């Protein structure tokens, strides 16, 4: 299962982690894993390309992590909202055996 944890501090995004593999299908054919990976990595790439927001990110097989040392800009919040919306839609469509989204106040 993929577990995505969205970290918030007083309602503001503080970062996120995504870990695990969906197990929906064989490696290379797992559309749940591919979709979650595309959304999380695209969010990081978009934050870097389209905003001045700073973040510390890490990526390796089955793991993506991002922390925001400062409050995000309006554009950064929109990108994070978009990622969360997409991941939540995947969770609603495929179910918790494959992906789970959680929001944690830090």
PDB file of N, CA and C in Angstrom:
ATOM      1  N   UNK A   1       0.826  -1.171   0.000  1.00  0.00           N
ATOM      2  CA  UNK A   1       0.000   0.000   0.000  1.00  0.00           C
ATOM      3  C   UNK A   1       0.883   1.251   0.000  1.00  0.00           C
ATOM      4  N   UNK A   2       0.407   2.283  -0.700  1.00  0.00           N
ATOM      5  CA  UNK A   2       1.066   3.587  -0.672  1.00  0.00           C
ATOM      6  C   UNK A   2       0.400   4.389   0.435  1.00  0.00           C
ATOM      7  N   UNK A   3       1.208   4.967   1.297  1.00  0.00           N
ATOM      8  CA  UNK A   3       0.709   5.865   2.328  1.00  0.00           C
ATOM      9  C   UNK A   3       1.264   7.251   2.046  1.00  0.00           C
ATOM     10  N   UNK A   4       0.353   8.209   1.861  1.00  0.00           N
ATOM     11  CA  UNK A   4       0.746   9.604   1.647  1.00  0.00           C
ATOM     12  C   UNK A   4       0.313  10.389   2.869  1.00  0.00           C
ATOM     13  N   UNK A   5       1.280  11.015   3.518  1.00  0.00           N
ATOM     14  CA  UNK A   5       0.993  11.839   4.681  1.00  0.00           C
ATOM     15  C   UNK A   5       1.252  13.291   4.312  1.00  0.00           C
ATOM     16  N   UNK A   6       0.225  14.112   4.459  1.00  0.00           N
ATOM     17  CA  UNK A   6       0.321  15.545   4.210  1.00  0.00           C
ATOM     18  C   UNK A   6       0.481  16.210   5.574  1.00  0.00           C
ATOM     19  N   UNK A   7       1.568  16.942   5.758  1.00  0.00           N
ATOM     20  CA  UNK A   7       1.831  17.610   7.025  1.00  0.00           C
ATOM     21  C   UNK A   7       1.376  19.062   6.943  1.00  0.00           C
ATOM     22  N   UNK A   8       0.637  19.477   7.974  1.00  0.00           N
ATOM     23  CA  UNK A   8       0.180  20.861   8.052  1.00  0.00           C
ATOM     24  C   UNK A   8       0.568  21.438   9.406  1.00  0.00           C
ATOM     25  N   UNK A   9       0.839  22.729   9.405  1.00  0.00           N
ATOM     26  CA  UNK A   9       1.169  23.460  10.623  1.00  0.00           C
ATOM     27  C   UNK A   9       0.221  24.644  10.682  1.00  0.00           C
ATOM     28  N   UNK A  10      -0.702  24.620  11.617  1.00  0.00           N
ATOM     29  CA  UNK A  10      -1.727  25.667  11.744  1.00  0.00           C
ATOM     30  C   UNK A  10      -2.482  25.855  10.430  1.00  0.00           C
ATOM     31  N   UNK A  11      -2.791  24.759   9.773  1.00  0.00           N
ATOM     32  CA  UNK A  11      -3.557  24.801   8.531  1.00  0.00           C
ATOM     33  C   UNK A  11      -2.747  25.043   7.275  1.00  0.00           C
ATOM     34  N   UNK A  12      -1.464  25.370   7.423  1.00  0.00           N
ATOM     35  CA  UNK A  12      -0.600  25.626   6.265  1.00  0.00           C
ATOM     36  C   UNK A  12       0.214  24.372   5.956  1.00  0.00           C
ATOM     37  N   UNK A  13       0.456  24.134   4.671  1.00  0.00           N
ATOM     38  CA  UNK A  13       1.256  22.974   4.281  1.00  0.00           C
ATOM     39  C   UNK A  13       2.673  23.087   4.839  1.00  0.00           C
ATOM     40  N   UNK A  14       3.127  21.999   5.478  1.00  0.00           N
ATOM     41  CA  UNK A  14       4.492  21.936   5.999  1.00  0.00           C
ATOM     42  C   UNK A  14       5.326  20.913   5.233  1.00  0.00           C
ATOM     43  N   UNK A  15       4.658  20.058   4.432  1.00  0.00           N
ATOM     44  CA  UNK A  15       5.367  19.065   3.642  1.00  0.00           C
ATOM     45  C   UNK A  15       4.512  17.844   3.405  1.00  0.00           C
ATOM     46  N   UNK A  16       5.132  16.808   2.847  1.00  0.00           N
ATOM     47  CA  UNK A  16       4.449  15.541   2.636  1.00  0.00           C
ATOM     48  C   UNK A  16       5.452  14.421   2.468  1.00  0.00           C
ATOM     49  N   UNK A  17       5.002  13.201   2.718  1.00  0.00           N
ATOM     50  CA  UNK A  17       5.768  12.007   2.392  1.00  0.00           C
ATOM     51  C   UNK A  17       4.837  11.023   1.685  1.00  0.00           C
ATOM     52  N   UNK A  18       5.397  10.274   0.777  1.00  0.00           N
ATOM     53  CA  UNK A  18       4.684   9.186   0.111  1.00  0.00           C
ATOM     54  C   UNK A  18       5.619   7.989   0.158  1.00  0.00           C
ATOM     55  N   UNK A  19       5.115   6.877   0.676  1.00  0.00           N
ATOM     56  CA  UNK A  19       5.977   5.698   0.785  1.00  0.00           C
ATOM     57  C   UNK A  19       5.195   4.444   0.478  1.00  0.00           C
ATOM     58  N   UNK A  20       5.905   3.495  -0.074  1.00  0.00           N
ATOM     59  CA  UNK A  20       5.328   2.191  -0.345  1.00  0.00           C
ATOM     60  C   UNK A  20       4.993   1.993  -1.810  1.00  0.00           C
ATOM     61  N   UNK A  21       4.458   0.824  -2.089  1.00  0.00           N
ATOM     62  CA  UNK A  21       4.016   0.448  -3.430  1.00  0.00           C
ATOM     63  C   UNK A  21       2.573  -0.014  -3.321  1.00  0.00           C
ATOM     64  N   UNK A  22       1.777   0.321  -4.312  1.00  0.00           N
ATOM     65  CA  UNK A  22       0.347   0.044  -4.244  1.00  0.00           C
ATOM     66  C   UNK A  22       0.038  -1.447  -4.223  1.00  0.00           C
ATOM     67  N   UNK A  23       0.716  -2.217  -5.028  1.00  0.00           N
ATOM     68  CA  UNK A  23       0.408  -3.630  -5.118  1.00  0.00           C
ATOM     69  C   UNK A  23      -0.877  -3.911  -5.889  1.00  0.00           C
ATOM     70  N   UNK A  24      -1.288  -2.956  -6.706  1.00  0.00           N
ATOM     71  CA  UNK A  24      -2.501  -3.120  -7.513  1.00  0.00           C
ATOM     72  C   UNK A  24      -2.270  -4.088  -8.672  1.00  0.00           C
ATOM     73  N   UNK A  25      -1.058  -4.058  -9.220  1.00  0.00           N
ATOM     74  CA  UNK A  25      -0.691  -4.922 -10.342  1.00  0.00           C
ATOM     75  C   UNK A  25       0.818  -5.148 -10.294  1.00  0.00           C
ATOM     76  N   UNK A  26       1.327  -5.954 -11.210  1.00  0.00           N
ATOM     77  CA  UNK A  26       2.760  -6.204 -11.295  1.00  0.00           C
ATOM     78  C   UNK A  26       3.520  -4.906 -11.549  1.00  0.00           C
ATOM     79  N   UNK A  27       4.767  -4.889 -11.099  1.00  0.00           N
ATOM     80  CA  UNK A  27       5.628  -3.738 -11.351  1.00  0.00           C
ATOM     81  C   UNK A  27       5.660  -3.463 -12.852  1.00  0.00           C
ATOM     82  N   UNK A  28       5.521  -2.205 -13.198  1.00  0.00           N
ATOM     83  CA  UNK A  28       5.484  -1.807 -14.597  1.00  0.00           C
ATOM     84  C   UNK A  28       4.079  -1.732 -15.158  1.00  0.00           C
ATOM     85  N   UNK A  29       3.105  -2.306 -14.445  1.00  0.00           N
ATOM     86  CA  UNK A  29       1.712  -2.304 -14.876  1.00  0.00           C
ATOM     87  C   UNK A  29       0.782  -1.736 -13.804  1.00  0.00           C
ATOM     88  N   UNK A  30       1.351  -1.240 -12.725  1.00  0.00           N
ATOM     89  CA  UNK A  30       0.573  -0.771 -11.580  1.00  0.00           C
ATOM     90  C   UNK A  30       0.151   0.677 -11.800  1.00  0.00           C
ATOM     91  N   UNK A  31      -1.094   0.869 -12.244  1.00  0.00           N
ATOM     92  CA  UNK A  31      -1.565   2.221 -12.575  1.00  0.00           C
ATOM     93  C   UNK A  31      -1.756   3.082 -11.329  1.00  0.00           C
ATOM     94  N   UNK A  32      -2.039   2.479 -10.188  1.00  0.00           N
ATOM     95  CA  UNK A  32      -2.190   3.254  -8.953  1.00  0.00           C
ATOM     96  C   UNK A  32      -0.837   3.826  -8.550  1.00  0.00           C
ATOM     97  N   UNK A  33       0.183   2.994  -8.595  1.00  0.00           N
ATOM     98  CA  UNK A  33       1.537   3.442  -8.248  1.00  0.00           C
ATOM     99  C   UNK A  33       2.024   4.511  -9.233  1.00  0.00           C
ATOM    100  N   UNK A  34       1.782   4.286 -10.508  1.00  0.00           N
ATOM    101  CA  UNK A  34       2.209   5.248 -11.528  1.00  0.00           C
ATOM    102  C   UNK A  34       1.519   6.588 -11.346  1.00  0.00           C
ATOM    103  N   UNK A  35       0.234   6.567 -11.054  1.00  0.00           N
ATOM    104  CA  UNK A  35      -0.516   7.816 -10.877  1.00  0.00           C
ATOM    105  C   UNK A  35      -0.034   8.583  -9.640  1.00  0.00           C
ATOM    106  N   UNK A  36       0.159   7.875  -8.542  1.00  0.00           N
ATOM    107  CA  UNK A  36       0.632   8.533  -7.315  1.00  0.00           C
ATOM    108  C   UNK A  36       2.034   9.106  -7.514  1.00  0.00           C
ATOM    109  N   UNK A  37       2.891   8.355  -8.183  1.00  0.00           N
ATOM    110  CA  UNK A  37       4.247   8.845  -8.460  1.00  0.00           C
ATOM    111  C   UNK A  37       4.211  10.083  -9.345  1.00  0.00           C
ATOM    112  N   UNK A  38       3.391  10.042 -10.390  1.00  0.00           N
ATOM    113  CA  UNK A  38       3.308  11.189 -11.298  1.00  0.00           C
ATOM    114  C   UNK A  38       2.821  12.432 -10.560  1.00  0.00           C
ATOM    115  N   UNK A  39       1.825  12.289  -9.709  1.00  0.00           N
ATOM    116  CA  UNK A  39       1.300  13.454  -8.991  1.00  0.00           C
ATOM    117  C   UNK A  39       2.309  14.031  -8.007  1.00  0.00           C
ATOM    118  N   UNK A  40       2.975  13.177  -7.239  1.00  0.00           N
ATOM    119  CA  UNK A  40       3.908  13.689  -6.237  1.00  0.00           C
ATOM    120  C   UNK A  40       5.155  14.299  -6.869  1.00  0.00           C
ATOM    121  N   UNK A  41       5.722  13.622  -7.853  1.00  0.00           N
ATOM    122  CA  UNK A  41       6.933  14.145  -8.506  1.00  0.00           C
ATOM    123  C   UNK A  41       6.605  15.398  -9.313  1.00  0.00           C
ATOM    124  N   UNK A  42       5.466  15.406  -9.983  1.00  0.00           N
ATOM    125  CA  UNK A  42       5.079  16.598 -10.736  1.00  0.00           C
ATOM    126  C   UNK A  42       4.866  17.791  -9.810  1.00  0.00           C
ATOM    127  N   UNK A  43       4.338  17.553  -8.623  1.00  0.00           N
ATOM    128  CA  UNK A  43       4.165  18.647  -7.664  1.00  0.00           C
ATOM    129  C   UNK A  43       5.528  19.255  -7.308  1.00  0.00           C
ATOM    130  N   UNK A  44       6.504  18.407  -7.010  1.00  0.00           N
ATOM    131  CA  UNK A  44       7.842  18.918  -6.690  1.00  0.00           C
ATOM    132  C   UNK A  44       8.451  19.672  -7.869  1.00  0.00           C
ATOM    133  N   UNK A  45       8.345  19.090  -9.054  1.00  0.00           N
ATOM    134  CA  UNK A  45       8.891  19.743 -10.248  1.00  0.00           C
ATOM    135  C   UNK A  45       8.199  21.078 -10.509  1.00  0.00           C
ATOM    136  N   UNK A  46       6.897  21.124 -10.314  1.00  0.00           N
ATOM    137  CA  UNK A  46       6.141  22.361 -10.543  1.00  0.00           C
ATOM    138  C   UNK A  46       6.472  23.418  -9.504  1.00  0.00           C
ATOM    139  N   UNK A  47       6.631  23.015  -8.245  1.00  0.00           N
ATOM    140  CA  UNK A  47       7.038  23.970  -7.214  1.00  0.00           C
ATOM    141  C   UNK A  47       8.376  24.612  -7.578  1.00  0.00           C
ATOM    142  N   UNK A  48       9.286  23.788  -8.063  1.00  0.00           N
ATOM    143  CA  UNK A  48      10.608  24.281  -8.440  1.00  0.00           C
ATOM    144  C   UNK A  48      10.551  25.178  -9.681  1.00  0.00           C
ATOM    145  N   UNK A  49       9.752  24.803 -10.663  1.00  0.00           N
ATOM    146  CA  UNK A  49       9.714  25.527 -11.937  1.00  0.00           C
ATOM    147  C   UNK A  49       8.851  26.787 -11.904  1.00  0.00           C
ATOM    148  N   UNK A  50       7.774  26.777 -11.142  1.00  0.00           N
ATOM    149  CA  UNK A  50       6.786  27.847 -11.252  1.00  0.00           C
ATOM    150  C   UNK A  50       6.646  28.728 -10.025  1.00  0.00           C
ATOM    151  N   UNK A  51       7.390  28.426  -8.951  1.00  0.00           N
ATOM    152  CA  UNK A  51       7.291  29.266  -7.752  1.00  0.00           C
ATOM    153  C   UNK A  51       8.690  29.618  -7.256  1.00  0.00           C
ATOM    154  N   UNK A  52       8.721  30.509  -6.321  1.00  0.00           N
ATOM    155  CA  UNK A  52       9.964  30.860  -5.638  1.00  0.00           C
ATOM    156  C   UNK A  52      10.051  30.140  -4.289  1.00  0.00           C
ATOM    157  N   UNK A  53       9.108  29.263  -4.024  1.00  0.00           N
ATOM    158  CA  UNK A  53       9.067  28.556  -2.744  1.00  0.00           C
ATOM    159  C   UNK A  53      10.284  27.647  -2.600  1.00  0.00           C
ATOM    160  N   UNK A  54      10.793  27.578  -1.384  1.00  0.00           N
ATOM    161  CA  UNK A  54      11.920  26.681  -1.126  1.00  0.00           C
ATOM    162  C   UNK A  54      11.396  25.414  -0.453  1.00  0.00           C
ATOM    163  N   UNK A  55      12.080  24.323  -0.698  1.00  0.00           N
ATOM    164  CA  UNK A  55      11.722  23.059  -0.070  1.00  0.00           C
ATOM    165  C   UNK A  55      12.926  22.148  -0.067  1.00  0.00           C
ATOM    166  N   UNK A  56      12.873  21.179   0.841  1.00  0.00           N
ATOM    167  CA  UNK A  56      13.881  20.123   0.884  1.00  0.00           C
ATOM    168  C   UNK A  56      13.177  18.845   0.473  1.00  0.00           C
ATOM    169  N   UNK A  57      13.649  18.235  -0.579  1.00  0.00           N
ATOM    170  CA  UNK A  57      13.005  17.025  -1.078  1.00  0.00           C
ATOM    171  C   UNK A  57      13.960  15.860  -1.173  1.00  0.00           C
ATOM    172  N   UNK A  58      13.390  14.690  -1.115  1.00  0.00           N
ATOM    173  CA  UNK A  58      14.163  13.457  -1.252  1.00  0.00           C
ATOM    174  C   UNK A  58      13.310  12.474  -2.050  1.00  0.00           C
ATOM    175  N   UNK A  59      13.964  11.738  -2.922  1.00  0.00           N
ATOM    176  CA  UNK A  59      13.257  10.765  -3.757  1.00  0.00           C
ATOM    177  C   UNK A  59      14.122   9.531  -3.936  1.00  0.00           C
ATOM    178  N   UNK A  60      13.521   8.370  -3.683  1.00  0.00           N
ATOM    179  CA  UNK A  60      14.159   7.092  -3.979  1.00  0.00           C
ATOM    180  C   UNK A  60      13.054   6.089  -4.213  1.00  0.00           C
ATOM    181  N   UNK A  61      13.407   4.878  -4.564  1.00  0.00           N
ATOM    182  CA  UNK A  61      12.412   3.867  -4.911  1.00  0.00           C
ATOM    183  C   UNK A  61      11.374   3.709  -3.804  1.00  0.00           C
ATOM    184  N   UNK A  62      10.128   3.977  -4.131  1.00  0.00           N
ATOM    185  CA  UNK A  62       9.046   3.808  -3.178  1.00  0.00           C
ATOM    186  C   UNK A  62       8.962   4.864  -2.105  1.00  0.00           C
ATOM    187  N   UNK A  63       9.648   5.994  -2.289  1.00  0.00           N
ATOM    188  CA  UNK A  63       9.658   7.027  -1.252  1.00  0.00           C
ATOM    189  C   UNK A  63       9.868   8.404  -1.863  1.00  0.00           C
ATOM    190  N   UNK A  64       9.014   9.346  -1.492  1.00  0.00           N
ATOM    191  CA  UNK A  64       9.178  10.758  -1.848  1.00  0.00           C
ATOM    192  C   UNK A  64       8.883  11.559  -0.588  1.00  0.00           C
ATOM    193  N   UNK A  65       9.725  12.540  -0.310  1.00  0.00           N
ATOM    194  CA  UNK A  65       9.528  13.374   0.864  1.00  0.00           C
ATOM    195  C   UNK A  65       9.807  14.829   0.499  1.00  0.00           C
ATOM    196  N   UNK A  66       9.061  15.719   1.114  1.00  0.00           N
ATOM    197  CA  UNK A  66       9.245  17.146   0.863  1.00  0.00           C
ATOM    198  C   UNK A  66       8.885  17.905   2.137  1.00  0.00           C
ATOM    199  N   UNK A  67       9.703  18.880   2.502  1.00  0.00           N
ATOM    200  CA  UNK A  67       9.439  19.740   3.655  1.00  0.00           C
ATOM    201  C   UNK A  67       9.567  21.201   3.216  1.00  0.00           C
ATOM    202  N   UNK A  68       8.671  22.021   3.725  1.00  0.00           N
ATOM    203  CA  UNK A  68       8.679  23.447   3.414  1.00  0.00           C
ATOM    204  C   UNK A  68       9.147  24.218   4.643  1.00  0.00           C
ATOM    205  N   UNK A  69      10.312  24.850   4.572  1.00  0.00           N
ATOM    206  CA  UNK A  69      10.820  25.581   5.737  1.00  0.00           C
ATOM    207  C   UNK A  69      10.059  26.884   5.996  1.00  0.00           C
ATOM    208  N   UNK A  70       9.358  27.385   4.972  1.00  0.00           N
ATOM    209  CA  UNK A  70       8.585  28.623   5.113  1.00  0.00           C
ATOM    210  C   UNK A  70       7.197  28.407   4.539  1.00  0.00           C
ATOM    211  N   UNK A  71       6.288  29.294   4.898  1.00  0.00           N
ATOM    212  CA  UNK A  71       4.927  29.209   4.369  1.00  0.00           C
ATOM    213  C   UNK A  71       4.952  29.312   2.842  1.00  0.00           C
ATOM    214  N   UNK A  72       4.145  28.503   2.196  1.00  0.00           N
ATOM    215  CA  UNK A  72       4.091  28.496   0.732  1.00  0.00           C
ATOM    216  C   UNK A  72       3.380  29.729   0.188  1.00  0.00           C
ATOM    217  N   UNK A  73       3.764  30.080  -1.020  1.00  0.00           N
ATOM    218  CA  UNK A  73       3.078  31.145  -1.741  1.00  0.00           C
ATOM    219  C   UNK A  73       1.696  30.665  -2.158  1.00  0.00           C
ATOM    220  N   UNK A  74       0.883  31.559  -2.679  1.00  0.00           N
ATOM    221  CA  UNK A  74      -0.438  31.184  -3.176  1.00  0.00           C
ATOM    222  C   UNK A  74      -0.322  30.126  -4.273  1.00  0.00           C
ATOM    223  N   UNK A  75       0.661  30.293  -5.166  1.00  0.00           N
ATOM    224  CA  UNK A  75       0.860  29.315  -6.238  1.00  0.00           C
ATOM    225  C   UNK A  75       1.280  27.957  -5.669  1.00  0.00           C
ATOM    226  N   UNK A  76       2.142  27.973  -4.659  1.00  0.00           N
ATOM    227  CA  UNK A  76       2.589  26.740  -4.022  1.00  0.00           C
ATOM    228  C   UNK A  76       1.436  26.011  -3.345  1.00  0.00           C
ATOM    229  N   UNK A  77       0.578  26.760  -2.671  1.00  0.00           N
ATOM    230  CA  UNK A  77      -0.590  26.147  -2.031  1.00  0.00           C
ATOM    231  C   UNK A  77      -1.519  25.530  -3.080  1.00  0.00           C
ATOM    232  N   UNK A  78      -1.692  26.219  -4.203  1.00  0.00           N
ATOM    233  CA  UNK A  78      -2.532  25.691  -5.270  1.00  0.00           C
ATOM    234  C   UNK A  78      -1.964  24.387  -5.831  1.00  0.00           C
ATOM    235  N   UNK A  79      -0.648  24.332  -6.011  1.00  0.00           N
ATOM    236  CA  UNK A  79      -0.025  23.098  -6.497  1.00  0.00           C
ATOM    237  C   UNK A  79      -0.200  21.955  -5.500  1.00  0.00           C
ATOM    238  N   UNK A  80      -0.045  22.245  -4.224  1.00  0.00           N
ATOM    239  CA  UNK A  80      -0.257  21.210  -3.213  1.00  0.00           C
ATOM    240  C   UNK A  80      -1.728  20.792  -3.161  1.00  0.00           C
ATOM    241  N   UNK A  81      -2.644  21.755  -3.233  1.00  0.00           N
ATOM    242  CA  UNK A  81      -4.075  21.427  -3.260  1.00  0.00           C
ATOM    243  C   UNK A  81      -4.388  20.503  -4.438  1.00  0.00           C
ATOM    244  N   UNK A  82      -3.785  20.788  -5.584  1.00  0.00           N
ATOM    245  CA  UNK A  82      -4.010  19.979  -6.773  1.00  0.00           C
ATOM    246  C   UNK A  82      -3.494  18.552  -6.576  1.00  0.00           C
ATOM    247  N   UNK A  83      -2.309  18.417  -5.990  1.00  0.00           N
ATOM    248  CA  UNK A  83      -1.758  17.091  -5.730  1.00  0.00           C
ATOM    249  C   UNK A  83      -2.663  16.316  -4.773  1.00  0.00           C
ATOM    250  N   UNK A  84      -3.082  16.963  -3.695  1.00  0.00           N
ATOM    251  CA  UNK A  84      -3.942  16.302  -2.709  1.00  0.00           C
ATOM    252  C   UNK A  84      -5.274  15.889  -3.342  1.00  0.00           C
ATOM    253  N   UNK A  85      -5.836  16.754  -4.180  1.00  0.00           N
ATOM    254  CA  UNK A  85      -7.084  16.418  -4.869  1.00  0.00           C
ATOM    255  C   UNK A  85      -6.906  15.168  -5.732  1.00  0.00           C
ATOM    256  N   UNK A  86      -5.846  15.130  -6.517  1.00  0.00           N
ATOM    257  CA  UNK A  86      -5.593  13.985  -7.385  1.00  0.00           C
ATOM    258  C   UNK A  86      -5.379  12.702  -6.597  1.00  0.00           C
ATOM    259  N   UNK A  87      -4.597  12.779  -5.527  1.00  0.00           N
ATOM    260  CA  UNK A  87      -4.341  11.593  -4.706  1.00  0.00           C
ATOM    261  C   UNK A  87      -5.612  11.114  -4.005  1.00  0.00           C
ATOM    262  N   UNK A  88      -6.420  12.054  -3.537  1.00  0.00           N
ATOM    263  CA  UNK A  88      -7.683  11.700  -2.887  1.00  0.00           C
ATOM    264  C   UNK A  88      -8.639  11.041  -3.876  1.00  0.00           C
ATOM    265  N   UNK A  89      -8.661  11.533  -5.104  1.00  0.00           N
ATOM    266  CA  UNK A  89      -9.489  10.905  -6.139  1.00  0.00           C
ATOM    267  C   UNK A  89      -9.046   9.467  -6.411  1.00  0.00           C
ATOM    268  N   UNK A  90      -7.728   9.241  -6.419  1.00  0.00           N
ATOM    269  CA  UNK A  90      -7.216   7.876  -6.613  1.00  0.00           C
ATOM    270  C   UNK A  90      -7.655   6.999  -5.442  1.00  0.00           C
ATOM    271  N   UNK A  91      -7.524   7.514  -4.224  1.00  0.00           N
ATOM    272  CA  UNK A  91      -7.936   6.764  -3.039  1.00  0.00           C
ATOM    273  C   UNK A  91      -9.429   6.422  -3.118  1.00  0.00           C
ATOM    274  N   UNK A  92     -10.246   7.383  -3.514  1.00  0.00           N
ATOM    275  CA  UNK A  92     -11.691   7.150  -3.617  1.00  0.00           C
ATOM    276  C   UNK A  92     -12.032   6.148  -4.719  1.00  0.00           C
ATOM    277  N   UNK A  93     -11.274   6.136  -5.789  1.00  0.00           N
ATOM    278  CA  UNK A  93     -11.546   5.243  -6.916  1.00  0.00           C
ATOM    279  C   UNK A  93     -11.053   3.815  -6.691  1.00  0.00           C
ATOM    280  N   UNK A  94      -9.862   3.672  -6.088  1.00  0.00           N
ATOM    281  CA  UNK A  94      -9.236   2.353  -5.973  1.00  0.00           C
ATOM    282  C   UNK A  94      -9.263   1.784  -4.563  1.00  0.00           C
ATOM    283  N   UNK A  95      -9.447   2.629  -3.586  1.00  0.00           N
ATOM    284  CA  UNK A  95      -9.626   2.158  -2.221  1.00  0.00           C
ATOM    285  C   UNK A  95      -8.368   2.061  -1.393  1.00  0.00           C
ATOM    286  N   UNK A  96      -8.611   1.959  -0.105  1.00  0.00           N
ATOM    287  CA  UNK A  96      -7.545   1.954   0.882  1.00  0.00           C
ATOM    288  C   UNK A  96      -6.631   0.729   0.846  1.00  0.00           C
ATOM    289  N   UNK A  97      -7.013  -0.376   0.215  1.00  0.00           N
ATOM    290  CA  UNK A  97      -6.020  -1.463   0.143  1.00  0.00           C
ATOM    291  C   UNK A  97      -4.786  -1.064  -0.681  1.00  0.00           C
ATOM    292  N   UNK A  98      -4.926  -0.044  -1.532  1.00  0.00           N
ATOM    293  CA  UNK A  98      -3.838   0.336  -2.434  1.00  0.00           C
ATOM    294  C   UNK A  98      -3.193   1.675  -2.100  1.00  0.00           C
ATOM    295  N   UNK A  99      -4.000   2.629  -1.632  1.00  0.00           N
ATOM    296  CA  UNK A  99      -3.459   3.955  -1.318  1.00  0.00           C
ATOM    297  C   UNK A  99      -4.285   4.571  -0.188  1.00  0.00           C
ATOM    298  N   UNK A 100      -3.587   5.222   0.722  1.00  0.00           N
ATOM    299  CA  UNK A 100      -4.244   5.884   1.843  1.00  0.00           C
ATOM    300  C   UNK A 100      -3.639   7.281   2.000  1.00  0.00           C
ATOM    301  N   UNK A 101      -4.508   8.283   2.085  1.00  0.00           N
ATOM    302  CA  UNK A 101      -4.078   9.672   2.263  1.00  0.00           C
ATOM    303  C   UNK A 101      -4.432  10.077   3.685  1.00  0.00           C
ATOM    304  N   UNK A 102      -3.474  10.655   4.386  1.00  0.00           N
ATOM    305  CA  UNK A 102      -3.738  11.131   5.745  1.00  0.00           C
ATOM    306  C   UNK A 102      -3.176  12.541   5.900  1.00  0.00           C
ATOM    307  N   UNK A 103      -3.884  13.345   6.679  1.00  0.00           N
ATOM    308  CA  UNK A 103      -3.453  14.709   6.984  1.00  0.00           C
ATOM    309  C   UNK A 103      -3.042  14.724   8.432  1.00  0.00           C
ATOM    310  N   UNK A 104      -1.831  15.217   8.704  1.00  0.00           N
ATOM    311  CA  UNK A 104      -1.310  15.283  10.070  1.00  0.00           C
ATOM    312  C   UNK A 104      -0.955  16.718  10.411  1.00  0.00           C
ATOM    313  N   UNK A 105      -1.431  17.161  11.548  1.00  0.00           N
ATOM    314  CA  UNK A 105      -1.051  18.475  12.069  1.00  0.00           C
ATOM    315  C   UNK A 105       0.266  18.302  12.827  1.00  0.00           C
ATOM    316  N   UNK A 106       1.244  19.141  12.513  1.00  0.00           N
ATOM    317  CA  UNK A 106       2.556  19.048  13.170  1.00  0.00           C
ATOM    318  C   UNK A 106       2.832  20.260  14.027  1.00  0.00           C
TER     319      UNK A 106
END
